[in-house]
Amino acid sequence: MTARHAFGQAANLMSRRWRARLDERLKDTGLSQARWLALFELSSSDGGLTQRDLADRLGIEAPTIVRQLDDLERRGLIARREAPNDRRAKRVTLTAAAEPVLDHITSIAATLRDELLADISDADLVTCLSVLGRVNQRLEQR
């Protein structure tokens, strides 16, 4: 098998295993991977996102995000309001109750990242990021 052939498989396998390992460590939050990923995406947005934008960022269909957001809203971690420019759209924002949950998620994710990348040099990571960035850019163009 050539390096070019193995690259896609390796990237996919690493992504699935990394997320599965993180999901194991986050079981105590009571949140599924889909839900903690939604919280994480919202935390990196300035002022929240529309449900459609959040679904796009997560790579899922808009109807699928509704069930996840219903659960997060029941837990008091998000709020949904009419979007300022479109009353049909809902803008999703984090609540204050989400802050300690996100701090916990971030701490566990950082610990895992440090463990997994412990003996990998910064130079190797920069090269890897460059390659992954170029491939992702080509994927987005198509």
N, C-alpha and C. Protein backbone atom coordinates (compact mmCIF):
# COMPACT_ATOMS: atom_id res chain seq x y z
N MET A 1 0.85 -1.17 0.00
CA MET A 1 0.00 0.00 0.00
C MET A 1 0.90 1.24 0.00
N THR A 2 0.58 2.19 -0.86
CA THR A 2 1.39 3.40 -0.94
C THR A 2 0.99 4.37 0.17
N ALA A 3 1.86 5.33 0.44
CA ALA A 3 1.58 6.35 1.46
C ALA A 3 0.34 7.15 1.07
N ARG A 4 0.16 7.42 -0.21
CA ARG A 4 -1.01 8.17 -0.66
C ARG A 4 -2.30 7.39 -0.40
N HIS A 5 -2.23 6.09 -0.61
CA HIS A 5 -3.40 5.26 -0.37
C HIS A 5 -3.70 5.16 1.13
N ALA A 6 -2.68 5.03 1.92
CA ALA A 6 -2.85 4.85 3.37
C ALA A 6 -3.25 6.15 4.08
N PHE A 7 -2.95 7.29 3.47
CA PHE A 7 -3.19 8.58 4.14
C PHE A 7 -4.65 8.76 4.56
N GLY A 8 -5.56 8.60 3.63
CA GLY A 8 -6.99 8.79 3.93
C GLY A 8 -7.48 7.84 5.00
N GLN A 9 -7.06 6.58 4.90
CA GLN A 9 -7.46 5.60 5.90
C GLN A 9 -6.92 5.96 7.29
N ALA A 10 -5.66 6.37 7.32
CA ALA A 10 -5.04 6.72 8.60
C ALA A 10 -5.71 7.95 9.22
N ALA A 11 -6.01 8.95 8.40
CA ALA A 11 -6.66 10.16 8.91
C ALA A 11 -8.04 9.84 9.45
N ASN A 12 -8.78 9.03 8.73
CA ASN A 12 -10.12 8.64 9.17
C ASN A 12 -10.07 7.83 10.46
N LEU A 13 -9.18 6.85 10.51
CA LEU A 13 -9.06 6.00 11.69
C LEU A 13 -8.65 6.81 12.91
N MET A 14 -7.68 7.70 12.75
CA MET A 14 -7.24 8.53 13.86
C MET A 14 -8.39 9.40 14.38
N SER A 15 -9.13 10.00 13.47
CA SER A 15 -10.24 10.86 13.85
C SER A 15 -11.29 10.08 14.65
N ARG A 16 -11.66 8.92 14.15
CA ARG A 16 -12.67 8.10 14.84
C ARG A 16 -12.18 7.65 16.21
N ARG A 17 -10.93 7.19 16.27
CA ARG A 17 -10.39 6.70 17.55
C ARG A 17 -10.23 7.85 18.55
N TRP A 18 -9.76 9.00 18.09
CA TRP A 18 -9.58 10.15 18.97
C TRP A 18 -10.92 10.57 19.57
N ARG A 19 -11.94 10.69 18.71
CA ARG A 19 -13.26 11.09 19.20
C ARG A 19 -13.85 10.03 20.12
N ALA A 20 -13.63 8.75 19.82
CA ALA A 20 -14.14 7.69 20.69
C ALA A 20 -13.47 7.74 22.06
N ARG A 21 -12.17 7.95 22.08
CA ARG A 21 -11.44 8.05 23.35
C ARG A 21 -11.92 9.25 24.17
N LEU A 22 -12.10 10.36 23.48
CA LEU A 22 -12.59 11.56 24.17
C LEU A 22 -14.01 11.33 24.69
N ASP A 23 -14.83 10.68 23.88
CA ASP A 23 -16.20 10.37 24.29
C ASP A 23 -16.21 9.49 25.55
N GLU A 24 -15.30 8.52 25.62
CA GLU A 24 -15.19 7.67 26.82
C GLU A 24 -14.90 8.52 28.05
N ARG A 25 -13.99 9.44 27.91
CA ARG A 25 -13.57 10.26 29.04
C ARG A 25 -14.62 11.30 29.44
N LEU A 26 -15.53 11.58 28.54
CA LEU A 26 -16.56 12.57 28.83
C LEU A 26 -17.89 11.95 29.25
N LYS A 27 -17.90 10.65 29.51
CA LYS A 27 -19.14 9.99 29.89
C LYS A 27 -19.78 10.61 31.13
N ASP A 28 -18.94 11.09 32.06
CA ASP A 28 -19.48 11.64 33.30
C ASP A 28 -20.28 12.92 33.08
N THR A 29 -20.17 13.53 31.90
CA THR A 29 -20.96 14.73 31.62
C THR A 29 -22.40 14.36 31.29
N GLY A 30 -22.62 13.11 30.91
CA GLY A 30 -23.96 12.70 30.50
C GLY A 30 -24.32 13.18 29.10
N LEU A 31 -23.34 13.73 28.40
CA LEU A 31 -23.59 14.25 27.06
C LEU A 31 -23.03 13.30 26.01
N SER A 32 -23.80 13.09 24.97
CA SER A 32 -23.30 12.30 23.84
C SER A 32 -22.27 13.13 23.10
N GLN A 33 -21.53 12.46 22.24
CA GLN A 33 -20.53 13.14 21.42
C GLN A 33 -21.17 14.26 20.61
N ALA A 34 -22.32 14.00 20.04
CA ALA A 34 -23.00 15.01 19.22
C ALA A 34 -23.34 16.24 20.05
N ARG A 35 -23.71 16.04 21.29
CA ARG A 35 -24.10 17.17 22.13
C ARG A 35 -22.89 17.96 22.62
N TRP A 36 -21.82 17.26 23.05
CA TRP A 36 -20.67 18.05 23.49
C TRP A 36 -19.98 18.73 22.32
N LEU A 37 -20.06 18.14 21.13
CA LEU A 37 -19.51 18.81 19.95
C LEU A 37 -20.31 20.09 19.64
N ALA A 38 -21.63 20.03 19.80
CA ALA A 38 -22.46 21.21 19.57
C ALA A 38 -22.09 22.31 20.57
N LEU A 39 -21.90 21.96 21.84
CA LEU A 39 -21.51 22.95 22.83
C LEU A 39 -20.16 23.55 22.48
N PHE A 40 -19.23 22.70 22.06
CA PHE A 40 -17.90 23.18 21.71
C PHE A 40 -17.97 24.15 20.53
N GLU A 41 -18.75 23.83 19.50
CA GLU A 41 -18.91 24.74 18.35
C GLU A 41 -19.51 26.07 18.78
N LEU A 42 -20.52 26.01 19.63
CA LEU A 42 -21.14 27.25 20.11
C LEU A 42 -20.15 28.09 20.91
N SER A 43 -19.28 27.44 21.66
CA SER A 43 -18.31 28.17 22.48
C SER A 43 -17.30 28.92 21.63
N SER A 44 -17.07 28.45 20.42
CA SER A 44 -16.10 29.11 19.56
C SER A 44 -16.74 30.14 18.62
N SER A 45 -18.04 30.35 18.78
CA SER A 45 -18.72 31.36 17.97
C SER A 45 -18.92 32.61 18.82
N ASP A 46 -18.99 33.72 18.17
CA ASP A 46 -19.18 34.98 18.88
C ASP A 46 -20.67 35.34 18.85
N GLY A 47 -21.35 35.15 19.95
CA GLY A 47 -22.75 35.52 20.02
C GLY A 47 -23.72 34.47 19.54
N GLY A 48 -23.27 33.24 19.41
CA GLY A 48 -24.16 32.16 19.03
C GLY A 48 -24.24 31.95 17.53
N LEU A 49 -25.01 30.94 17.16
CA LEU A 49 -25.18 30.57 15.76
C LEU A 49 -26.65 30.26 15.51
N THR A 50 -27.07 30.38 14.25
CA THR A 50 -28.40 29.88 13.93
C THR A 50 -28.34 28.35 13.94
N GLN A 51 -29.48 27.74 14.10
CA GLN A 51 -29.53 26.28 14.10
C GLN A 51 -28.95 25.73 12.81
N ARG A 52 -29.25 26.36 11.70
CA ARG A 52 -28.75 25.90 10.40
C ARG A 52 -27.22 26.01 10.33
N ASP A 53 -26.67 27.14 10.80
CA ASP A 53 -25.22 27.32 10.78
C ASP A 53 -24.53 26.29 11.68
N LEU A 54 -25.13 26.01 12.83
CA LEU A 54 -24.57 25.02 13.73
C LEU A 54 -24.60 23.63 13.08
N ALA A 55 -25.70 23.29 12.44
CA ALA A 55 -25.81 22.00 11.75
C ALA A 55 -24.75 21.90 10.66
N ASP A 56 -24.55 22.99 9.91
CA ASP A 56 -23.52 23.00 8.85
C ASP A 56 -22.13 22.78 9.43
N ARG A 57 -21.82 23.45 10.53
CA ARG A 57 -20.50 23.31 11.14
C ARG A 57 -20.26 21.89 11.65
N LEU A 58 -21.34 21.25 12.10
CA LEU A 58 -21.22 19.89 12.62
C LEU A 58 -21.33 18.84 11.53
N GLY A 59 -21.71 19.27 10.32
CA GLY A 59 -21.83 18.33 9.20
C GLY A 59 -23.03 17.41 9.33
N ILE A 60 -24.12 17.95 9.90
CA ILE A 60 -25.34 17.16 10.04
C ILE A 60 -26.52 17.93 9.44
N GLU A 61 -27.62 17.24 9.26
CA GLU A 61 -28.81 17.84 8.70
C GLU A 61 -29.53 18.69 9.75
N ALA A 62 -30.20 19.73 9.30
CA ALA A 62 -30.90 20.63 10.21
C ALA A 62 -31.91 19.91 11.12
N PRO A 63 -32.73 18.95 10.61
CA PRO A 63 -33.66 18.27 11.51
C PRO A 63 -32.96 17.48 12.63
N THR A 64 -31.77 16.97 12.35
CA THR A 64 -31.03 16.20 13.35
C THR A 64 -30.59 17.09 14.50
N ILE A 65 -30.20 18.31 14.21
CA ILE A 65 -29.72 19.21 15.25
C ILE A 65 -30.84 19.58 16.22
N VAL A 66 -32.07 19.58 15.76
CA VAL A 66 -33.19 19.98 16.61
C VAL A 66 -33.29 19.07 17.83
N ARG A 67 -33.17 17.77 17.66
CA ARG A 67 -33.27 16.84 18.80
C ARG A 67 -32.14 17.08 19.79
N GLN A 68 -30.95 17.32 19.27
CA GLN A 68 -29.81 17.57 20.15
C GLN A 68 -30.01 18.87 20.93
N LEU A 69 -30.48 19.89 20.25
CA LEU A 69 -30.70 21.17 20.91
C LEU A 69 -31.84 21.11 21.91
N ASP A 70 -32.87 20.31 21.61
CA ASP A 70 -33.95 20.13 22.58
C ASP A 70 -33.40 19.60 23.90
N ASP A 71 -32.51 18.61 23.81
CA ASP A 71 -31.92 18.03 25.02
C ASP A 71 -31.03 19.04 25.74
N LEU A 72 -30.19 19.74 25.01
CA LEU A 72 -29.31 20.73 25.63
C LEU A 72 -30.10 21.86 26.27
N GLU A 73 -31.22 22.21 25.66
CA GLU A 73 -32.08 23.25 26.23
C GLU A 73 -32.74 22.74 27.52
N ARG A 74 -33.21 21.50 27.52
CA ARG A 74 -33.80 20.91 28.73
C ARG A 74 -32.80 20.89 29.88
N ARG A 75 -31.53 20.69 29.54
CA ARG A 75 -30.47 20.67 30.57
C ARG A 75 -30.07 22.08 31.01
N GLY A 76 -30.59 23.09 30.34
CA GLY A 76 -30.28 24.47 30.69
C GLY A 76 -28.94 24.95 30.17
N LEU A 77 -28.38 24.27 29.17
CA LEU A 77 -27.05 24.60 28.66
C LEU A 77 -27.07 25.57 27.47
N ILE A 78 -28.21 25.66 26.80
CA ILE A 78 -28.36 26.57 25.67
C ILE A 78 -29.69 27.29 25.77
N ALA A 79 -29.78 28.37 25.01
CA ALA A 79 -31.05 29.08 24.84
C ALA A 79 -31.25 29.30 23.35
N ARG A 80 -32.51 29.23 22.92
CA ARG A 80 -32.83 29.50 21.51
C ARG A 80 -33.79 30.68 21.46
N ARG A 81 -33.45 31.62 20.59
CA ARG A 81 -34.28 32.81 20.42
C ARG A 81 -34.40 33.10 18.92
N GLU A 82 -35.38 33.94 18.60
CA GLU A 82 -35.51 34.34 17.19
C GLU A 82 -34.24 35.07 16.77
N ALA A 83 -33.80 34.78 15.56
CA ALA A 83 -32.64 35.47 15.01
C ALA A 83 -33.04 36.91 14.70
N PRO A 84 -32.15 37.86 14.93
CA PRO A 84 -32.51 39.27 14.74
C PRO A 84 -32.98 39.62 13.33
N ASN A 85 -32.40 39.01 12.32
CA ASN A 85 -32.73 39.38 10.94
C ASN A 85 -33.74 38.46 10.27
N ASP A 86 -34.11 37.37 10.96
CA ASP A 86 -35.03 36.40 10.36
C ASP A 86 -35.81 35.71 11.47
N ARG A 87 -37.07 36.11 11.62
CA ARG A 87 -37.88 35.56 12.72
C ARG A 87 -38.12 34.07 12.58
N ARG A 88 -37.96 33.54 11.38
CA ARG A 88 -38.14 32.10 11.19
C ARG A 88 -36.95 31.30 11.70
N ALA A 89 -35.80 31.93 11.76
CA ALA A 89 -34.58 31.24 12.19
C ALA A 89 -34.41 31.37 13.71
N LYS A 90 -33.82 30.37 14.31
CA LYS A 90 -33.52 30.38 15.74
C LYS A 90 -32.03 30.54 15.96
N ARG A 91 -31.66 31.47 16.82
CA ARG A 91 -30.26 31.69 17.18
C ARG A 91 -30.01 30.94 18.48
N VAL A 92 -28.95 30.14 18.49
CA VAL A 92 -28.62 29.31 19.65
C VAL A 92 -27.43 29.94 20.36
N THR A 93 -27.57 30.13 21.67
CA THR A 93 -26.48 30.66 22.48
C THR A 93 -26.29 29.78 23.70
N LEU A 94 -25.10 29.84 24.26
CA LEU A 94 -24.80 29.12 25.49
C LEU A 94 -25.36 29.89 26.68
N THR A 95 -25.73 29.17 27.72
CA THR A 95 -26.15 29.80 28.97
C THR A 95 -24.97 29.78 29.94
N ALA A 96 -25.13 30.47 31.03
CA ALA A 96 -24.08 30.48 32.06
C ALA A 96 -23.84 29.07 32.60
N ALA A 97 -24.87 28.25 32.63
CA ALA A 97 -24.74 26.87 33.13
C ALA A 97 -23.82 26.03 32.26
N ALA A 98 -23.62 26.44 31.01
CA ALA A 98 -22.75 25.68 30.11
C ALA A 98 -21.27 25.91 30.40
N GLU A 99 -20.93 27.03 31.04
CA GLU A 99 -19.52 27.36 31.27
C GLU A 99 -18.76 26.29 32.03
N PRO A 100 -19.25 25.81 33.20
CA PRO A 100 -18.49 24.77 33.89
C PRO A 100 -18.43 23.45 33.11
N VAL A 101 -19.46 23.15 32.36
CA VAL A 101 -19.46 21.94 31.54
C VAL A 101 -18.39 22.07 30.46
N LEU A 102 -18.33 23.21 29.81
CA LEU A 102 -17.31 23.44 28.78
C LEU A 102 -15.91 23.45 29.36
N ASP A 103 -15.75 24.01 30.55
CA ASP A 103 -14.44 23.99 31.21
C ASP A 103 -13.99 22.55 31.45
N HIS A 104 -14.92 21.71 31.89
CA HIS A 104 -14.63 20.30 32.13
C HIS A 104 -14.25 19.59 30.83
N ILE A 105 -15.04 19.82 29.79
CA ILE A 105 -14.77 19.21 28.47
C ILE A 105 -13.40 19.66 27.96
N THR A 106 -13.13 20.94 28.05
CA THR A 106 -11.86 21.49 27.57
C THR A 106 -10.67 20.91 28.33
N SER A 107 -10.81 20.76 29.63
CA SER A 107 -9.74 20.21 30.45
C SER A 107 -9.45 18.76 30.08
N ILE A 108 -10.49 17.97 29.93
CA ILE A 108 -10.32 16.56 29.58
C ILE A 108 -9.74 16.44 28.16
N ALA A 109 -10.22 17.26 27.24
CA ALA A 109 -9.71 17.23 25.86
C ALA A 109 -8.23 17.62 25.83
N ALA A 110 -7.83 18.60 26.62
CA ALA A 110 -6.43 19.03 26.66
C ALA A 110 -5.54 17.93 27.21
N THR A 111 -6.01 17.23 28.24
CA THR A 111 -5.24 16.13 28.83
C THR A 111 -5.04 15.02 27.80
N LEU A 112 -6.11 14.66 27.12
CA LEU A 112 -6.01 13.62 26.10
C LEU A 112 -5.06 14.05 24.98
N ARG A 113 -5.21 15.29 24.52
CA ARG A 113 -4.33 15.79 23.45
C ARG A 113 -2.87 15.73 23.88
N ASP A 114 -2.58 16.14 25.12
CA ASP A 114 -1.20 16.09 25.61
C ASP A 114 -0.67 14.66 25.66
N GLU A 115 -1.51 13.72 26.06
CA GLU A 115 -1.09 12.31 26.10
C GLU A 115 -0.81 11.78 24.71
N LEU A 116 -1.70 12.06 23.77
CA LEU A 116 -1.56 11.51 22.43
C LEU A 116 -0.42 12.13 21.63
N LEU A 117 -0.11 13.38 21.91
CA LEU A 117 0.93 14.08 21.14
C LEU A 117 2.23 14.22 21.92
N ALA A 118 2.36 13.52 23.04
CA ALA A 118 3.48 13.70 23.96
C ALA A 118 4.86 13.61 23.30
N ASP A 119 5.09 12.65 22.46
CA ASP A 119 6.43 12.46 21.90
C ASP A 119 6.53 12.88 20.44
N ILE A 120 5.61 13.71 20.00
CA ILE A 120 5.60 14.19 18.62
C ILE A 120 6.11 15.63 18.61
N SER A 121 7.10 15.90 17.80
CA SER A 121 7.72 17.23 17.79
C SER A 121 6.78 18.27 17.19
N ASP A 122 7.01 19.52 17.58
CA ASP A 122 6.24 20.63 16.99
C ASP A 122 6.46 20.70 15.49
N ALA A 123 7.67 20.43 15.05
CA ALA A 123 7.97 20.46 13.60
C ALA A 123 7.13 19.42 12.85
N ASP A 124 7.02 18.22 13.41
CA ASP A 124 6.20 17.19 12.78
C ASP A 124 4.73 17.61 12.75
N LEU A 125 4.26 18.22 13.83
CA LEU A 125 2.87 18.67 13.88
C LEU A 125 2.60 19.77 12.86
N VAL A 126 3.55 20.68 12.71
CA VAL A 126 3.39 21.76 11.72
C VAL A 126 3.29 21.16 10.32
N THR A 127 4.14 20.19 10.01
CA THR A 127 4.08 19.53 8.70
C THR A 127 2.74 18.83 8.51
N CYS A 128 2.31 18.10 9.51
CA CYS A 128 1.04 17.39 9.44
C CYS A 128 -0.13 18.36 9.25
N LEU A 129 -0.13 19.44 10.00
CA LEU A 129 -1.19 20.45 9.87
C LEU A 129 -1.21 21.07 8.49
N SER A 130 -0.04 21.28 7.93
CA SER A 130 0.04 21.84 6.58
C SER A 130 -0.60 20.90 5.56
N VAL A 131 -0.27 19.63 5.65
CA VAL A 131 -0.83 18.64 4.72
C VAL A 131 -2.34 18.53 4.92
N LEU A 132 -2.78 18.38 6.16
CA LEU A 132 -4.21 18.27 6.42
C LEU A 132 -4.96 19.52 5.97
N GLY A 133 -4.37 20.68 6.18
CA GLY A 133 -4.99 21.93 5.75
C GLY A 133 -5.17 21.99 4.25
N ARG A 134 -4.17 21.58 3.52
CA ARG A 134 -4.28 21.60 2.05
C ARG A 134 -5.33 20.61 1.56
N VAL A 135 -5.37 19.43 2.15
CA VAL A 135 -6.38 18.45 1.75
C VAL A 135 -7.78 18.96 2.09
N ASN A 136 -7.95 19.51 3.29
CA ASN A 136 -9.26 20.05 3.68
C ASN A 136 -9.69 21.17 2.76
N GLN A 137 -8.76 22.01 2.37
CA GLN A 137 -9.08 23.10 1.44
C GLN A 137 -9.59 22.56 0.11
N ARG A 138 -8.94 21.52 -0.39
CA ARG A 138 -9.39 20.92 -1.65
C ARG A 138 -10.75 20.26 -1.50
N LEU A 139 -11.00 19.66 -0.35
CA LEU A 139 -12.30 19.03 -0.11
C LEU A 139 -13.42 20.07 -0.07
N GLU A 140 -13.14 21.21 0.51
CA GLU A 140 -14.15 22.28 0.59
C GLU A 140 -14.45 22.88 -0.78
N GLN A 141 -13.47 22.88 -1.67
CA GLN A 141 -13.66 23.48 -3.00
C GLN A 141 -14.54 22.61 -3.88
N ARG A 142 -14.70 21.37 -3.56
CA ARG A 142 -15.42 20.46 -4.44
C ARG A 142 -16.82 20.25 -3.99
